[in-house]
C-alpha atoms as a PDB file:
ATOM      1  CA  MET A   1      20.358  15.409 -16.240  1.00  0.00           C
ATOM      2  CA  ALA A   2      19.888  11.675 -16.894  1.00  0.00           C
ATOM      3  CA  ALA A   3      18.115  10.545 -20.025  1.00  0.00           C
ATOM      4  CA  ALA A   4      14.668   8.974 -19.651  1.00  0.00           C
ATOM      5  CA  GLY A   5      16.095   5.556 -20.602  1.00  0.00           C
ATOM      6  CA  ASP A   6      18.577   5.720 -17.661  1.00  0.00           C
ATOM      7  CA  LEU A   7      15.910   6.199 -14.989  1.00  0.00           C
ATOM      8  CA  PRO A   8      14.015   3.462 -13.159  1.00  0.00           C
ATOM      9  CA  TRP A   9      10.430   3.069 -14.279  1.00  0.00           C
ATOM     10  CA  GLN A  10       7.394   2.572 -12.059  1.00  0.00           C
ATOM     11  CA  CYS A  11       4.991  -0.315 -12.679  1.00  0.00           C
ATOM     12  CA  MET A  12       1.468   0.938 -13.385  1.00  0.00           C
ATOM     13  CA  THR A  13      -0.046  -2.043 -11.544  1.00  0.00           C
ATOM     14  CA  CYS A  14       1.972  -2.521  -8.356  1.00  0.00           C
ATOM     15  CA  THR A  15       4.011   0.761  -8.354  1.00  0.00           C
ATOM     16  CA  LEU A  16       7.367  -1.012  -7.951  1.00  0.00           C
ATOM     17  CA  LEU A  17      10.377   0.929  -9.265  1.00  0.00           C
ATOM     18  CA  ASN A  18      12.082  -1.321 -11.802  1.00  0.00           C
ATOM     19  CA  PRO A  19      15.539  -1.013 -13.386  1.00  0.00           C
ATOM     20  CA  PRO A  20      15.626   0.810 -16.729  1.00  0.00           C
ATOM     21  CA  SER A  21      16.647  -2.354 -18.592  1.00  0.00           C
ATOM     22  CA  ALA A  22      13.662  -4.411 -17.362  1.00  0.00           C
ATOM     23  CA  THR A  23      10.866  -4.957 -19.887  1.00  0.00           C
ATOM     24  CA  ARG A  24       8.563  -6.556 -17.284  1.00  0.00           C
ATOM     25  CA  CYS A  25       7.924  -5.665 -13.647  1.00  0.00           C
ATOM     26  CA  ASP A  26      10.090  -7.675 -11.248  1.00  0.00           C
ATOM     27  CA  ALA A  27       7.189  -8.085  -8.794  1.00  0.00           C
ATOM     28  CA  CYS A  28       4.007  -8.627 -10.820  1.00  0.00           C
ATOM     29  CA  GLU A  29       5.528  -9.362 -14.253  1.00  0.00           C
ATOM     30  CA  ASN A  30       3.281  -6.888 -16.066  1.00  0.00           C
ATOM     31  CA  PRO A  31       4.890  -5.441 -19.199  1.00  0.00           C
ATOM     32  CA  ARG A  32       6.471  -2.015 -19.108  1.00  0.00           C
ATOM     33  CA  ALA A  33       4.091   0.662 -20.359  1.00  0.00           C
ATOM     34  CA  SER A  34       5.202   2.885 -23.213  1.00  0.00           C
ATOM     35  CA  PRO A  35       6.342   6.315 -22.035  1.00  0.00           C
ATOM     36  CA  VAL A  36       4.137   9.314 -22.751  1.00  0.00           C
ATOM     37  CA  LEU A  37       5.585  12.798 -23.089  1.00  0.00           C
ATOM     38  CA  ARG A  38       3.812  15.631 -21.321  1.00  0.00           C
ATOM     39  CA  LEU A  39       4.572  19.265 -20.651  1.00  0.00           C
ATOM     40  CA  ASP A  40       5.355  20.177 -17.073  1.00  0.00           C
ATOM     41  CA  ALA A  41       3.566  23.066 -15.350  1.00  0.00           C
ATOM     42  CA  GLY A  42       6.366  25.485 -16.273  1.00  0.00           C
ATOM     43  CA  GLY A  43       5.939  24.812 -19.983  1.00  0.00           C
ATOM     44  CA  GLY A  44       9.486  23.408 -20.230  1.00  0.00           C
ATOM     45  CA  GLU A  45      10.825  20.285 -21.888  1.00  0.00           C
ATOM     46  CA  GLY A  46       8.703  17.164 -22.006  1.00  0.00           C
ATOM     47  CA  ALA A  47       9.209  14.588 -19.282  1.00  0.00           C
ATOM     48  CA  GLU A  48       8.423  10.899 -19.148  1.00  0.00           C
ATOM     49  CA  ALA A  49       5.006  10.334 -17.588  1.00  0.00           C
ATOM     50  CA  PRO A  50       2.974   7.253 -16.978  1.00  0.00           C
ATOM     51  CA  PRO A  51       0.450   6.585 -19.727  1.00  0.00           C
ATOM     52  CA  ALA A  52      -3.262   6.628 -19.124  1.00  0.00           C
ATOM     53  CA  ALA A  53      -4.710   3.260 -18.249  1.00  0.00           C
ATOM     54  CA  ALA A  54      -5.179   1.234 -21.389  1.00  0.00           C
ATOM     55  CA  PRO A  55      -8.758   0.161 -22.026  1.00  0.00           C
ATOM     56  CA  ALA A  56      -9.425  -3.440 -21.124  1.00  0.00           C
ATOM     57  CA  PRO A  57      -9.905  -5.711 -24.111  1.00  0.00           C
ATOM     58  CA  LYS A  58     -13.556  -6.433 -24.713  1.00  0.00           C
ATOM     59  CA  ALA A  59     -14.565 -10.001 -24.142  1.00  0.00           C
ATOM     60  CA  ALA A  60     -16.802 -11.670 -26.657  1.00  0.00           C
ATOM     61  CA  PRO A  61     -20.389 -11.720 -25.405  1.00  0.00           C
ATOM     62  CA  LYS A  62     -21.323 -15.030 -23.858  1.00  0.00           C
ATOM     63  CA  ALA A  63     -24.352 -16.861 -25.078  1.00  0.00           C
ATOM     64  CA  ALA A  64     -27.150 -17.096 -22.535  1.00  0.00           C
ATOM     65  CA  PRO A  65     -27.493 -20.558 -21.020  1.00  0.00           C
ATOM     66  CA  VAL A  66     -30.321 -22.621 -22.355  1.00  0.00           C
ATOM     67  CA  ILE A  67     -32.785 -23.506 -19.621  1.00  0.00           C
ATOM     68  CA  THR A  68     -34.953 -26.487 -20.286  1.00  0.00           C
ATOM     69  CA  PRO A  69     -38.103 -26.984 -18.257  1.00  0.00           C
ATOM     70  CA  ALA A  70     -37.820 -29.635 -15.577  1.00  0.00           C
ATOM     71  CA  ALA A  71     -39.699 -32.870 -15.874  1.00  0.00           C
ATOM     72  CA  PRO A  72     -42.899 -32.990 -13.803  1.00  0.00           C
ATOM     73  CA  THR A  73     -41.327 -35.589 -11.487  1.00  0.00           C
ATOM     74  CA  ALA A  74     -38.186 -33.544 -10.771  1.00  0.00           C
ATOM     75  CA  GLY A  75     -37.568 -32.290  -7.246  1.00  0.00           C
ATOM     76  CA  LEU A  76     -38.848 -33.519  -3.914  1.00  0.00           C
ATOM     77  CA  SER A  77     -42.281 -34.865  -3.220  1.00  0.00           C
ATOM     78  CA  GLN A  78     -44.386 -33.211  -0.509  1.00  0.00           C
ATOM     79  CA  ALA A  79     -43.514 -35.982   1.959  1.00  0.00           C
ATOM     80  CA  GLU A  80     -39.789 -35.717   1.171  1.00  0.00           C
ATOM     81  CA  ARG A  81     -39.940 -31.935   1.520  1.00  0.00           C
ATOM     82  CA  ARG A  82     -41.675 -32.195   4.928  1.00  0.00           C
ATOM     83  CA  ALA A  83     -39.118 -34.769   6.110  1.00  0.00           C
ATOM     84  CA  HIS A  84     -36.268 -32.515   4.988  1.00  0.00           C
ATOM     85  CA  GLU A  85     -37.797 -29.492   6.744  1.00  0.00           C
ATOM     86  CA  GLN A  86     -38.205 -31.518   9.966  1.00  0.00           C
ATOM     87  CA  GLU A  87     -34.600 -32.714   9.731  1.00  0.00           C
ATOM     88  CA  MET A  88     -33.349 -29.167   9.244  1.00  0.00           C
ATOM     89  CA  ALA A  89     -35.481 -27.917  12.157  1.00  0.00           C
ATOM     90  CA  ALA A  90     -34.011 -30.651  14.379  1.00  0.00           C
ATOM     91  CA  LYS A  91     -30.475 -29.641  13.332  1.00  0.00           C
ATOM     92  CA  ARG A  92     -31.207 -25.966  14.060  1.00  0.00           C
ATOM     93  CA  HIS A  93     -32.611 -26.898  17.482  1.00  0.00           C
ATOM     94  CA  LYS A  94     -29.546 -29.023  18.290  1.00  0.00           C
ATOM     95  CA  LYS A  95     -27.241 -26.189  17.219  1.00  0.00           C
ATOM     96  CA  GLU A  96     -29.128 -23.717  19.433  1.00  0.00           C
ATOM     97  CA  GLU A  97     -28.841 -26.103  22.398  1.00  0.00           C
ATOM     98  CA  GLU A  98     -25.085 -26.461  21.819  1.00  0.00           C
ATOM     99  CA  LYS A  99     -24.744 -22.691  21.582  1.00  0.00           C
ATOM    100  CA  LYS A 100     -26.689 -22.259  24.819  1.00  0.00           C
ATOM    101  CA  LYS A 101     -24.414 -24.762  26.624  1.00  0.00           C
ATOM    102  CA  ILE A 102     -21.284 -22.985  25.365  1.00  0.00           C
ATOM    103  CA  LEU A 103     -22.598 -19.599  26.542  1.00  0.00           C
ATOM    104  CA  GLU A 104     -23.554 -21.034  29.948  1.00  0.00           C
ATOM    105  CA  GLN A 105     -20.073 -22.561  30.319  1.00  0.00           C
ATOM    106  CA  ALA A 106     -18.418 -19.286  29.324  1.00  0.00           C
ATOM    107  CA  GLU A 107     -20.512 -17.406  31.879  1.00  0.00           C
ATOM    108  CA  ALA A 108     -19.639 -19.962  34.586  1.00  0.00           C
ATOM    109  CA  ASP A 109     -15.925 -19.651  33.724  1.00  0.00           C
ATOM    110  CA  ARG A 110     -16.179 -15.860  33.878  1.00  0.00           C
ATOM    111  CA  LYS A 111     -17.812 -15.987  37.318  1.00  0.00           C
ATOM    112  CA  ALA A 112     -15.223 -18.505  38.558  1.00  0.00           C
ATOM    113  CA  ARG A 113     -12.399 -16.099  37.642  1.00  0.00           C
ATOM    114  CA  MET A 114     -13.889 -13.292  39.741  1.00  0.00           C
END
């Protein structure tokens, strides 16, 4: 039987079988995991098994962003807001009209093919 060091090893991330001499996966370049010995179901010799997933390193907690109150003049005035809403309504209406024309043309093309 071949020794554990003579067998290809499987990457824990992408499952590629790598040559025994490789220290990093040929596909995803993740490092080779250390082998873990486990007993097989028959209670025989230990065999190389993939290790349990290593816990992810804990990131340092991020400081909450500081929110400063806006100046009283920030944002849009009522008139600017109304103008913007009217502009957006006009754009929505135009888009609906274009959509309606496209659907009518598609229906006319469908009927013409029949």
